[in-house]
Amino acid sequence: MLLTNARIYTLDDNVPVASSIWIKDGLVVALNPDIDSVISQTKGLQIENLQGNIILPGLTDAHIHLEKFAFNRLKVDCEVPTLALCLERVHNRARELPPKAWVLGHGWNQNDWGGVFPHAADLDQISEGHPVYLTAKSLHAGWANSRALAIAGINRETPDPEGGGIQRDKDGFPTGILFESAMELVSRKIPVPDTYQITEAVDQAQKALWRLGITGVHDFDGQNCLTALRGLYAQGRLQLRVLKSIPVEKLDEAISQGITTGEGDDWLRIGSIKAFADGALGPRTAAMFQPYAGEPTNTGYLLLDQESLVEIGQKAIRGGLSLAVHAIGDRANHEVINAFMQLREFEKFLGIPPKKHRIEHVQCLNPADKHRLGLSGLVASMQPIHAISDRKMADRYWGARSVGAYAWRDQLQAGAVLIFGSDAPVDSPNPFWGIHAALTRRAVGESEGWYPEQCLTLNQALMAYTRLPAQIAGWEKNAGCLVSGSTADLIVLDQDPFKIPVDGIYDLLPTRTMVAGEWVYIAD
């Protein structure tokens, strides 16, 4: 295939812009080749004139929950401005389902409803006898009706599980709101999709991602998702490059099976062991040094401290595995950075190269910690779209601490490897929404960004969605940019993101997406 008459932003310093690209066997053969020579020596060559359209390398979402995203597309969308509208949607779904079927939904945020958590009784009135379970936008809280609580055996006497909490009224009765590990009391009672259902849902999810220009992901779901991905791979249906993490609960099993970071190929590769150091901002479970504003006794949940993380990390490193740790609050990030600094010394002791350890989210940092990821050679895996979703909550509950929140430029300037994702289904996986957030730190149409000193350039944002996540995945030699020998993963745009007004970037979508030299998506 020869694509001509295009403006190609390669993201390669040697040939930053080209006008034509020659593709063969899924790889880029050359940029700006001698077209007459290519035509004369290539039998069956397909030539496409792109009429001046733009080509970029395919984009990578460096933090997504692929299985959750896949099934979330089938759930009730609860990300609405009012409780009443959420209940209306749940009621409509309940009336459609057969008796006893679970009504599942995602996306509610009590901060959008006046800051007051909803109640099981709200759902009881409209659930038509169905068990109902709705996950919060953050995925760190759940909302169940009385039927679902009864199925889970949650009552006044049920103790809070370690690392979680059951919200209770003044008389000690559960309200239906569950935090962190307490969510599992209900979620484990929900019928689990079988392997076929998961595989088909993930297949549909990859098609949805192609429409957004995403050709690769770093996935943070569990074993079932890995099984589905392996199934798609074996069937020749996987056309999304996936770096697959392993939950920390599976660490011993992974070591016993000899699974190591980097194992795999350019389609499916093993990433890091994933652990959680704290909760999230939305339900105020992220671990903070000081209490949340207006909640003098609440500093969140510290799920893993420095000592625990070092123990996990040493075991992982000995087993050939890197570590990825979820940390949102300033205290959680402090503990994680301390642990990683200690693990760097452990790697020196073992005489092995430093692994590509990463902190997922890095949302709020104490000022004294903002340079330490770079000093330790860590990856800052961040989600720019979160700043737009969370800024009002951050100002309300973190106050002045927000100056050190979602600070992408700080991390880039300090030398951390900055990669971007969405945390979908927590937020939309649309990378152009993320790029717009990285460039402006504001919603479309607003005049002023939130802590605008942290804004990035378009090139910096694109690097965090292309070359740098490819580097962390171990694909740096052949993915994330368009050079001779690289994989032919690319997208076509009908507008130039470097030339249109910045708010126009928010509305960009590819007209085509190519993976390994094959058009996997062409807009109608």
Protein backbone atom coordinates (compact mmCIF):
# COMPACT_ATOMS: atom_id res chain seq x y z
CA MET A 1 0.00 0.00 0.00
CA LEU A 2 1.18 3.50 -0.84
CA LEU A 3 -0.51 6.47 0.83
CA THR A 4 0.20 9.72 -0.97
CA ASN A 5 -0.69 13.42 -0.78
CA ALA A 6 -0.89 13.44 3.01
CA ARG A 7 0.65 15.47 5.79
CA ILE A 8 2.25 12.84 8.00
CA TYR A 9 3.41 13.75 11.49
CA THR A 10 5.77 10.87 12.20
CA LEU A 11 6.76 11.86 15.78
CA ASP A 12 10.28 10.92 14.75
CA ASP A 13 12.93 13.63 15.12
CA ASN A 14 14.84 12.60 11.99
CA VAL A 15 11.91 12.97 9.57
CA PRO A 16 9.22 14.84 11.54
CA VAL A 17 6.92 15.47 8.55
CA ALA A 18 6.37 13.48 5.35
CA SER A 19 3.92 13.47 2.47
CA SER A 20 3.77 9.81 1.50
CA ILE A 21 4.26 6.45 3.18
CA TRP A 22 4.96 3.01 1.71
CA ILE A 23 3.56 0.06 3.69
CA LYS A 24 4.22 -3.63 3.13
CA ASP A 25 3.53 -6.73 5.26
CA GLY A 26 2.18 -4.60 8.09
CA LEU A 27 5.31 -2.45 8.34
CA VAL A 28 6.42 0.96 7.15
CA VAL A 29 8.93 0.44 4.35
CA ALA A 30 9.74 4.10 3.71
CA LEU A 31 8.59 7.68 4.07
CA ASN A 32 8.63 9.93 1.01
CA PRO A 33 9.74 7.09 -1.28
CA ASP A 34 10.36 7.57 -4.99
CA ILE A 35 6.79 6.86 -6.07
CA ASP A 36 7.63 5.85 -9.65
CA SER A 37 10.23 3.41 -8.35
CA VAL A 38 7.80 1.90 -5.83
CA ILE A 39 5.15 1.45 -8.54
CA SER A 40 7.60 -0.18 -10.94
CA GLN A 41 8.96 -2.70 -8.42
CA THR A 42 5.77 -3.58 -6.51
CA LYS A 43 3.22 -5.95 -7.99
CA GLY A 44 -0.38 -5.38 -6.92
CA LEU A 45 0.39 -2.08 -5.22
CA GLN A 46 -2.63 -0.26 -3.80
CA ILE A 47 -2.25 3.50 -4.12
CA GLU A 48 -4.45 5.89 -2.14
CA ASN A 49 -4.45 9.66 -2.54
CA LEU A 50 -5.38 11.09 0.86
CA GLN A 51 -6.28 14.50 -0.54
CA GLY A 52 -4.11 16.41 1.91
CA ASN A 53 -5.47 14.70 5.03
CA ILE A 54 -3.39 14.26 8.17
CA ILE A 55 -1.72 11.04 9.34
CA LEU A 56 -0.60 10.43 12.92
CA PRO A 57 0.75 7.29 14.58
CA GLY A 58 -1.94 5.20 16.24
CA LEU A 59 -2.68 6.29 19.80
CA THR A 60 -2.27 4.24 22.97
CA ASP A 61 -4.45 4.40 26.08
CA ALA A 62 -1.89 3.70 28.78
CA HIS A 63 -4.43 2.94 31.52
CA ILE A 64 -7.71 1.25 30.68
CA HIS A 65 -9.86 -1.48 32.20
CA LEU A 66 -10.66 -3.29 28.99
CA GLU A 67 -13.15 -5.85 30.30
CA LYS A 68 -14.92 -3.30 32.49
CA PHE A 69 -15.04 -0.88 29.57
CA ALA A 70 -16.46 -3.62 27.35
CA PHE A 71 -19.28 -4.51 29.75
CA ASN A 72 -19.83 -0.94 30.85
CA ARG A 73 -21.09 -0.26 27.35
CA LEU A 74 -24.00 -2.60 28.22
CA LYS A 75 -24.78 -1.04 31.62
CA VAL A 76 -27.12 1.77 32.60
CA ASP A 77 -25.30 5.05 32.10
CA CYS A 78 -25.55 6.76 35.50
CA GLU A 79 -23.25 9.67 34.73
CA VAL A 80 -26.08 12.20 34.76
CA PRO A 81 -26.55 15.60 36.45
CA THR A 82 -29.40 14.61 38.80
CA LEU A 83 -30.37 11.72 41.03
CA ALA A 84 -33.86 11.78 39.51
CA LEU A 85 -32.53 11.18 36.00
CA CYS A 86 -30.34 8.32 37.24
CA LEU A 87 -33.34 6.67 38.93
CA GLU A 88 -35.42 7.12 35.79
CA ARG A 89 -32.81 5.30 33.71
CA VAL A 90 -32.50 2.48 36.24
CA HIS A 91 -36.29 2.13 36.35
CA ASN A 92 -36.50 1.90 32.57
CA ARG A 93 -33.87 -0.85 32.50
CA ALA A 94 -35.55 -2.74 35.35
CA ARG A 95 -38.79 -2.89 33.39
CA GLU A 96 -36.97 -4.40 30.39
CA LEU A 97 -35.26 -7.26 32.24
CA PRO A 98 -36.61 -10.71 33.09
CA PRO A 99 -37.51 -11.42 36.76
CA LYS A 100 -34.59 -11.67 39.23
CA ALA A 101 -32.06 -10.34 36.72
CA TRP A 102 -29.54 -7.86 38.09
CA VAL A 103 -29.78 -4.22 37.05
CA LEU A 104 -26.20 -3.00 36.63
CA GLY A 105 -25.05 0.53 36.03
CA HIS A 106 -22.02 2.77 36.28
CA GLY A 107 -20.99 6.40 36.49
CA TRP A 108 -22.88 8.07 39.37
CA ASN A 109 -21.10 10.76 41.31
CA GLN A 110 -22.72 12.13 44.46
CA ASN A 111 -20.64 15.28 44.10
CA ASP A 112 -22.75 16.15 41.06
CA TRP A 113 -25.91 15.66 43.15
CA GLY A 114 -25.17 18.16 45.90
CA GLY A 115 -22.49 16.08 47.64
CA VAL A 116 -24.96 13.80 49.46
CA PHE A 117 -24.67 10.06 48.90
CA PRO A 118 -27.83 8.35 47.60
CA HIS A 119 -29.58 5.59 49.57
CA ALA A 120 -30.72 2.02 48.97
CA ALA A 121 -34.30 3.21 49.52
CA ASP A 122 -34.02 5.45 46.45
CA LEU A 123 -33.44 2.36 44.33
CA ASP A 124 -35.97 0.21 46.17
CA GLN A 125 -38.80 2.46 44.97
CA ILE A 126 -38.04 1.95 41.28
CA SER A 127 -36.29 -1.44 41.02
CA GLU A 128 -39.37 -3.58 40.30
CA GLY A 129 -38.06 -6.29 42.62
CA HIS A 130 -34.69 -6.63 40.85
CA PRO A 131 -31.37 -6.53 42.68
CA VAL A 132 -29.61 -3.31 41.66
CA TYR A 133 -25.91 -2.50 41.84
CA LEU A 134 -24.41 0.68 40.43
CA THR A 135 -20.70 1.47 40.53
CA ALA A 136 -19.54 5.04 41.08
CA LYS A 137 -17.66 6.92 38.38
CA SER A 138 -14.45 6.38 40.37
CA LEU A 139 -14.99 2.59 40.57
CA HIS A 140 -14.12 2.95 44.27
CA ALA A 141 -17.69 2.97 45.61
CA GLY A 142 -20.88 1.07 44.89
CA TRP A 143 -24.59 1.73 45.46
CA ALA A 144 -26.87 -1.25 46.10
CA ASN A 145 -30.57 -1.56 46.75
CA SER A 146 -32.02 -3.54 49.65
CA ARG A 147 -32.51 -6.65 47.50
CA ALA A 148 -28.84 -6.66 46.51
CA LEU A 149 -27.75 -6.07 50.13
CA ALA A 150 -29.88 -9.03 51.24
CA ILE A 151 -28.40 -11.31 48.58
CA ALA A 152 -24.92 -10.28 49.77
CA GLY A 153 -25.86 -10.88 53.42
CA ILE A 154 -25.10 -7.28 54.39
CA ASN A 155 -26.98 -6.14 57.47
CA ARG A 156 -26.49 -4.18 60.67
CA GLU A 157 -24.18 -6.85 62.12
CA THR A 158 -21.93 -7.17 59.08
CA PRO A 159 -18.44 -5.90 59.97
CA ASP A 160 -16.47 -3.61 57.68
CA PRO A 161 -14.03 -5.71 55.67
CA GLU A 162 -10.34 -4.91 55.82
CA GLY A 163 -9.57 -2.08 53.41
CA GLY A 164 -13.17 -1.03 52.96
CA GLY A 165 -16.28 0.33 54.62
CA ILE A 166 -20.05 -0.09 54.72
CA GLN A 167 -21.75 3.27 55.04
CA ARG A 168 -24.36 3.19 57.84
CA ASP A 169 -27.12 5.47 59.09
CA LYS A 170 -27.28 6.85 62.63
CA ASP A 171 -28.83 3.59 63.85
CA GLY A 172 -26.10 1.45 62.30
CA PHE A 173 -28.10 0.10 59.35
CA PRO A 174 -26.38 -0.09 55.90
CA THR A 175 -27.39 2.74 53.57
CA GLY A 176 -26.50 0.85 50.39
CA ILE A 177 -23.19 2.69 49.82
CA LEU A 178 -20.08 0.51 49.88
CA PHE A 179 -16.49 1.69 49.78
CA GLU A 180 -13.39 -0.04 48.41
CA SER A 181 -13.15 -3.74 49.42
CA ALA A 182 -16.72 -3.70 50.79
CA MET A 183 -17.88 -3.49 47.18
CA GLU A 184 -16.81 -7.10 46.72
CA LEU A 185 -19.49 -8.25 49.16
CA VAL A 186 -22.07 -7.46 46.46
CA SER A 187 -20.05 -7.75 43.25
CA ARG A 188 -19.10 -11.38 43.93
CA LYS A 189 -22.79 -12.26 44.03
CA ILE A 190 -23.42 -10.96 40.51
CA PRO A 191 -23.47 -13.72 37.88
CA VAL A 192 -20.10 -13.82 36.12
CA PRO A 193 -20.05 -13.75 32.30
CA ASP A 194 -18.52 -16.86 30.77
CA THR A 195 -15.34 -16.84 28.69
CA TYR A 196 -17.24 -16.62 25.41
CA GLN A 197 -19.24 -13.60 26.58
CA ILE A 198 -16.13 -11.83 27.82
CA THR A 199 -14.24 -12.56 24.60
CA GLU A 200 -17.04 -11.22 22.42
CA ALA A 201 -17.45 -8.12 24.60
CA VAL A 202 -13.71 -7.38 24.42
CA ASP A 203 -13.81 -7.86 20.65
CA GLN A 204 -16.57 -5.25 20.41
CA ALA A 205 -14.58 -2.98 22.72
CA GLN A 206 -11.52 -3.04 20.46
CA LYS A 207 -13.75 -2.00 17.56
CA ALA A 208 -15.07 0.92 19.63
CA LEU A 209 -11.49 1.95 20.43
CA TRP A 210 -10.45 1.91 16.76
CA ARG A 211 -13.15 4.49 16.08
CA LEU A 212 -11.37 6.77 18.55
CA GLY A 213 -7.95 6.26 16.96
CA ILE A 214 -6.68 3.87 19.64
CA THR A 215 -4.46 1.08 18.33
CA GLY A 216 -2.88 0.00 21.63
CA VAL A 217 -3.75 -0.18 25.32
CA HIS A 218 -2.20 -0.91 28.70
CA ASP A 219 -4.90 -2.99 30.39
CA PHE A 220 -5.48 -3.23 34.15
CA ASP A 221 -8.25 -5.81 34.41
CA GLY A 222 -7.83 -9.35 35.69
CA GLN A 223 -7.33 -12.94 34.63
CA ASN A 224 -10.64 -13.25 32.77
CA CYS A 225 -9.64 -10.42 30.47
CA LEU A 226 -6.26 -12.03 29.83
CA THR A 227 -8.01 -15.29 28.94
CA ALA A 228 -10.27 -13.43 26.51
CA LEU A 229 -7.33 -11.62 24.92
CA ARG A 230 -5.45 -14.90 24.50
CA GLY A 231 -8.56 -16.35 22.87
CA LEU A 232 -8.82 -13.47 20.41
CA TYR A 233 -5.09 -13.75 19.72
CA ALA A 234 -5.31 -17.49 19.02
CA GLN A 235 -8.24 -16.90 16.66
CA GLY A 236 -6.40 -14.15 14.79
CA ARG A 237 -8.99 -11.59 15.91
CA LEU A 238 -6.83 -9.47 18.21
CA GLN A 239 -5.97 -6.28 16.31
CA LEU A 240 -5.23 -4.10 19.30
CA ARG A 241 -1.77 -4.07 20.85
CA VAL A 242 -2.16 -4.90 24.53
CA LEU A 243 0.22 -4.61 27.47
CA LYS A 244 -1.51 -6.74 30.10
CA SER A 245 -1.00 -6.19 33.82
CA ILE A 246 -1.45 -8.88 36.48
CA PRO A 247 -3.37 -8.22 39.73
CA VAL A 248 -1.20 -8.39 42.84
CA GLU A 249 -3.40 -11.22 44.13
CA LYS A 250 -1.97 -13.35 41.30
CA LEU A 251 1.69 -12.54 42.05
CA ASP A 252 2.60 -15.91 43.57
CA GLU A 253 0.79 -17.75 40.78
CA ALA A 254 2.57 -15.70 38.12
CA ILE A 255 5.96 -16.40 39.69
CA SER A 256 5.22 -20.12 39.99
CA GLN A 257 4.31 -20.21 36.28
CA GLY A 258 7.45 -18.30 35.30
CA ILE A 259 5.51 -15.35 33.88
CA THR A 260 7.69 -12.26 33.54
CA THR A 261 7.30 -8.65 32.48
CA GLY A 262 7.98 -8.31 28.75
CA GLU A 263 6.87 -11.85 27.92
CA GLY A 264 4.87 -11.97 24.69
CA ASP A 265 5.07 -10.22 21.35
CA ASP A 266 3.94 -7.09 19.54
CA TRP A 267 0.25 -7.99 20.00
CA LEU A 268 -0.01 -9.22 23.57
CA ARG A 269 2.67 -8.67 26.19
CA ILE A 270 2.84 -9.04 29.97
CA GLY A 271 3.23 -5.78 31.86
CA SER A 272 3.46 -5.12 35.59
CA ILE A 273 2.01 -6.47 38.79
CA LYS A 274 -0.80 -4.05 39.72
CA ALA A 275 -1.40 -3.08 43.37
CA PHE A 276 -3.58 -0.45 45.07
CA ALA A 277 -2.11 1.91 47.65
CA ASP A 278 -5.36 3.82 48.29
CA GLY A 279 -8.85 4.65 47.07
CA ALA A 280 -10.11 7.62 45.04
CA LEU A 281 -11.06 11.27 45.33
CA GLY A 282 -14.75 10.88 44.43
CA PRO A 283 -15.76 8.80 47.48
CA ARG A 284 -13.00 10.51 49.55
CA THR A 285 -11.08 7.27 50.07
CA ALA A 286 -7.75 8.44 48.58
CA ALA A 287 -5.12 8.45 51.37
CA MET A 288 -4.21 11.98 52.45
CA PHE A 289 -1.82 13.44 55.03
CA GLN A 290 -4.50 15.86 56.23
CA PRO A 291 -8.27 15.34 56.42
CA TYR A 292 -10.64 16.16 53.61
CA ALA A 293 -12.16 19.63 53.92
CA GLY A 294 -15.31 19.46 56.01
CA GLU A 295 -14.52 15.90 57.19
CA PRO A 296 -12.13 16.32 60.13
CA THR A 297 -11.76 12.59 60.82
CA ASN A 298 -11.46 11.37 57.21
CA THR A 299 -8.00 10.97 55.67
CA GLY A 300 -9.05 8.15 53.31
CA TYR A 301 -7.83 4.56 53.15
CA LEU A 302 -4.15 3.68 52.98
CA LEU A 303 -4.36 0.15 51.60
CA LEU A 304 -0.62 -0.51 51.32
CA ASP A 305 2.17 1.32 53.14
CA GLN A 306 5.86 1.53 52.25
CA GLU A 307 6.81 -1.64 54.12
CA SER A 308 4.08 -3.71 52.48
CA LEU A 309 4.92 -2.39 49.03
CA VAL A 310 8.61 -3.15 49.46
CA GLU A 311 7.77 -6.72 50.43
CA ILE A 312 5.54 -7.12 47.37
CA GLY A 313 8.05 -5.35 45.12
CA GLN A 314 11.03 -7.45 46.17
CA LYS A 315 9.09 -10.64 45.48
CA ALA A 316 7.98 -9.28 42.08
CA ILE A 317 11.47 -8.13 41.10
CA ARG A 318 13.02 -11.47 42.03
CA GLY A 319 10.38 -13.07 39.82
CA GLY A 320 11.21 -10.82 36.87
CA LEU A 321 8.16 -8.58 37.21
CA SER A 322 7.85 -4.81 37.43
CA LEU A 323 5.34 -3.06 39.68
CA ALA A 324 2.49 -0.65 38.89
CA VAL A 325 0.84 0.95 41.92
CA HIS A 326 -2.40 2.92 42.02
CA ALA A 327 -1.84 6.04 44.15
CA ILE A 328 -4.08 9.10 44.22
CA GLY A 329 -3.77 10.86 47.58
CA ASP A 330 -0.63 12.73 48.68
CA ARG A 331 0.05 10.26 51.50
CA ALA A 332 -0.38 7.25 49.22
CA ASN A 333 1.97 8.71 46.62
CA HIS A 334 4.53 9.49 49.34
CA GLU A 335 4.47 5.90 50.60
CA VAL A 336 4.73 4.51 47.06
CA ILE A 337 7.64 6.75 46.09
CA ASN A 338 9.46 5.81 49.30
CA ALA A 339 8.91 2.15 48.50
CA PHE A 340 10.16 2.51 44.93
CA MET A 341 13.29 4.33 46.10
CA GLN A 342 13.98 1.41 48.42
CA LEU A 343 13.30 -1.03 45.58
CA ARG A 344 15.80 0.81 43.37
CA GLU A 345 18.45 0.00 46.00
CA PHE A 346 17.25 -3.59 45.98
CA GLU A 347 17.74 -3.77 42.21
CA LYS A 348 21.28 -2.43 42.61
CA PHE A 349 21.92 -5.07 45.27
CA LEU A 350 20.77 -7.78 42.85
CA GLY A 351 22.87 -6.27 40.07
CA ILE A 352 19.96 -5.99 37.63
CA PRO A 353 18.86 -3.06 35.43
CA PRO A 354 16.15 -0.86 36.92
CA LYS A 355 12.68 -2.01 35.90
CA LYS A 356 10.01 0.23 34.40
CA HIS A 357 8.04 0.63 37.62
CA ARG A 358 5.08 2.96 37.40
CA ILE A 359 2.65 4.91 39.54
CA GLU A 360 -0.88 4.93 38.21
CA HIS A 361 -2.71 8.28 38.47
CA VAL A 362 -0.23 10.35 40.58
CA GLN A 363 -3.14 12.68 41.24
CA CYS A 364 -2.08 14.64 44.32
CA LEU A 365 1.52 15.12 45.42
CA ASN A 366 2.99 16.81 48.43
CA PRO A 367 5.28 19.60 47.10
CA ALA A 368 8.31 17.84 48.53
CA ASP A 369 7.52 14.76 46.41
CA LYS A 370 6.91 16.28 43.01
CA HIS A 371 10.49 15.73 41.74
CA ARG A 372 10.99 12.28 43.22
CA LEU A 373 9.42 10.17 40.46
CA GLY A 374 11.92 11.59 37.99
CA LEU A 375 14.83 11.14 40.40
CA SER A 376 13.88 7.48 40.81
CA GLY A 377 13.35 6.87 37.09
CA LEU A 378 9.67 6.08 37.56
CA VAL A 379 6.81 6.18 35.08
CA ALA A 380 4.05 8.70 35.79
CA SER A 381 0.98 7.06 34.28
CA MET A 382 -1.62 9.84 34.35
CA GLN A 383 -5.04 10.61 32.89
CA PRO A 384 -5.46 14.24 31.77
CA ILE A 385 -9.22 13.90 31.34
CA HIS A 386 -9.47 13.30 35.11
CA ALA A 387 -8.46 16.89 35.79
CA ILE A 388 -11.55 18.11 33.96
CA SER A 389 -13.82 15.61 35.74
CA ASP A 390 -12.30 16.09 39.19
CA ARG A 391 -11.26 19.75 39.49
CA LYS A 392 -14.37 20.91 41.35
CA MET A 393 -14.11 17.97 43.77
CA ALA A 394 -10.41 18.60 44.21
CA ASP A 395 -10.96 22.27 45.02
CA ARG A 396 -13.75 21.39 47.44
CA TYR A 397 -12.07 18.58 49.36
CA TRP A 398 -8.34 19.18 48.84
CA GLY A 399 -8.39 22.98 48.72
CA ALA A 400 -4.91 24.46 48.44
CA ARG A 401 -3.44 20.97 48.03
CA SER A 402 -4.79 21.02 44.46
CA VAL A 403 -1.77 23.09 43.40
CA GLY A 404 0.13 19.78 43.40
CA ALA A 405 -2.64 17.80 41.72
CA TYR A 406 -2.74 16.41 38.16
CA ALA A 407 0.61 18.13 37.64
CA TRP A 408 1.75 16.73 34.32
CA ARG A 409 4.27 19.44 33.50
CA ASP A 410 5.93 19.03 36.90
CA GLN A 411 6.45 15.33 36.17
CA LEU A 412 7.75 15.94 32.67
CA GLN A 413 10.18 18.61 33.84
CA ALA A 414 11.37 16.43 36.72
CA GLY A 415 12.34 13.67 34.31
CA ALA A 416 9.59 11.12 34.91
CA VAL A 417 8.39 9.15 31.89
CA LEU A 418 4.93 10.63 31.30
CA ILE A 419 2.30 8.43 29.67
CA PHE A 420 -1.40 9.17 29.27
CA GLY A 421 -4.58 7.11 29.42
CA SER A 422 -8.21 7.41 30.44
CA ASP A 423 -8.91 4.86 33.20
CA ALA A 424 -12.00 3.94 31.15
CA PRO A 425 -14.72 3.27 32.07
CA VAL A 426 -14.00 5.84 34.82
CA ASP A 427 -13.71 8.43 32.04
CA SER A 428 -14.14 8.34 28.29
CA PRO A 429 -11.30 6.67 26.38
CA ASN A 430 -11.54 9.36 23.69
CA PRO A 431 -7.86 10.40 23.43
CA PHE A 432 -8.71 13.73 21.81
CA TRP A 433 -10.64 14.71 24.92
CA GLY A 434 -7.54 13.79 26.90
CA ILE A 435 -5.26 15.75 24.58
CA HIS A 436 -7.52 18.80 24.84
CA ALA A 437 -7.43 18.51 28.64
CA ALA A 438 -3.63 18.27 28.61
CA LEU A 439 -3.35 21.39 26.47
CA THR A 440 -5.97 23.55 28.22
CA ARG A 441 -6.94 22.12 31.67
CA ARG A 442 -10.44 23.45 31.05
CA ALA A 443 -13.72 22.46 29.45
CA VAL A 444 -14.45 23.51 25.88
CA GLY A 445 -15.54 27.14 25.75
CA GLU A 446 -14.14 28.14 29.13
CA SER A 447 -11.66 30.99 29.10
CA GLU A 448 -9.26 29.94 31.85
CA GLY A 449 -7.63 26.65 32.68
CA TRP A 450 -7.33 25.08 36.13
CA TYR A 451 -3.75 25.66 37.33
CA PRO A 452 -2.77 26.45 33.71
CA GLU A 453 0.94 26.38 34.50
CA GLN A 454 0.63 22.59 34.16
CA CYS A 455 -0.59 22.74 30.52
CA LEU A 456 1.44 20.85 27.92
CA THR A 457 2.21 21.45 24.26
CA LEU A 458 0.48 19.35 21.60
CA ASN A 459 3.71 17.53 20.80
CA GLN A 460 4.25 16.66 24.47
CA ALA A 461 0.70 15.35 24.78
CA LEU A 462 0.99 13.28 21.62
CA MET A 463 4.24 11.74 22.83
CA ALA A 464 2.45 10.65 26.01
CA TYR A 465 -0.13 8.87 23.85
CA THR A 466 2.30 7.33 21.34
CA ARG A 467 6.06 6.87 21.62
CA LEU A 468 6.36 6.86 25.40
CA PRO A 469 3.69 4.21 26.15
CA ALA A 470 5.21 2.11 23.37
CA GLN A 471 8.59 2.48 25.06
CA ILE A 472 7.21 1.37 28.41
CA ALA A 473 5.53 -1.63 26.76
CA GLY A 474 8.80 -2.70 25.17
CA TRP A 475 7.65 -1.81 21.66
CA GLU A 476 9.84 1.26 21.25
CA LYS A 477 11.72 -0.21 18.28
CA ASN A 478 8.63 -0.63 16.13
CA ALA A 479 5.61 1.22 17.51
CA GLY A 480 4.54 4.69 18.60
CA CYS A 481 6.00 6.54 15.64
CA LEU A 482 6.14 6.18 11.86
CA VAL A 483 9.64 5.33 10.62
CA SER A 484 11.12 2.74 8.32
CA GLY A 485 10.63 -0.62 10.02
CA SER A 486 7.90 0.46 12.41
CA THR A 487 4.50 -1.16 12.56
CA ALA A 488 1.98 0.49 10.26
CA ASP A 489 -0.38 1.62 13.01
CA LEU A 490 -1.81 4.99 12.08
CA ILE A 491 -4.87 7.19 11.97
CA VAL A 492 -6.17 9.63 9.36
CA LEU A 493 -7.68 12.99 10.35
CA ASP A 494 -9.45 15.47 8.11
CA GLN A 495 -8.15 18.42 10.15
CA ASP A 496 -4.65 19.31 11.27
CA PRO A 497 -4.45 19.37 15.10
CA PHE A 498 -1.37 21.60 14.87
CA LYS A 499 -3.25 24.25 12.91
CA ILE A 500 -6.85 24.32 14.13
CA PRO A 501 -8.02 26.27 17.22
CA VAL A 502 -7.29 24.27 20.36
CA ASP A 503 -10.97 23.66 21.16
CA GLY A 504 -11.29 22.03 17.74
CA ILE A 505 -9.05 19.20 18.99
CA TYR A 506 -11.82 18.11 21.36
CA ASP A 507 -14.08 17.33 18.38
CA LEU A 508 -11.48 15.46 16.32
CA LEU A 509 -12.11 11.84 15.39
CA PRO A 510 -10.27 9.72 12.85
CA THR A 511 -11.80 9.05 9.48
CA ARG A 512 -9.72 5.87 9.29
CA THR A 513 -7.65 3.72 11.59
CA MET A 514 -4.98 1.27 10.45
CA VAL A 515 -3.37 -1.51 12.48
CA ALA A 516 -0.47 -3.54 11.06
CA GLY A 517 -1.13 -2.22 7.56
CA GLU A 518 -4.84 -3.07 7.55
CA TRP A 519 -7.69 -0.58 7.69
CA VAL A 520 -9.64 -1.73 10.75
CA TYR A 521 -11.97 1.27 10.73
CA ILE A 522 -13.26 3.51 7.95
CA ALA A 523 -15.87 6.13 8.80
CA ASP A 524 -19.16 5.95 6.92
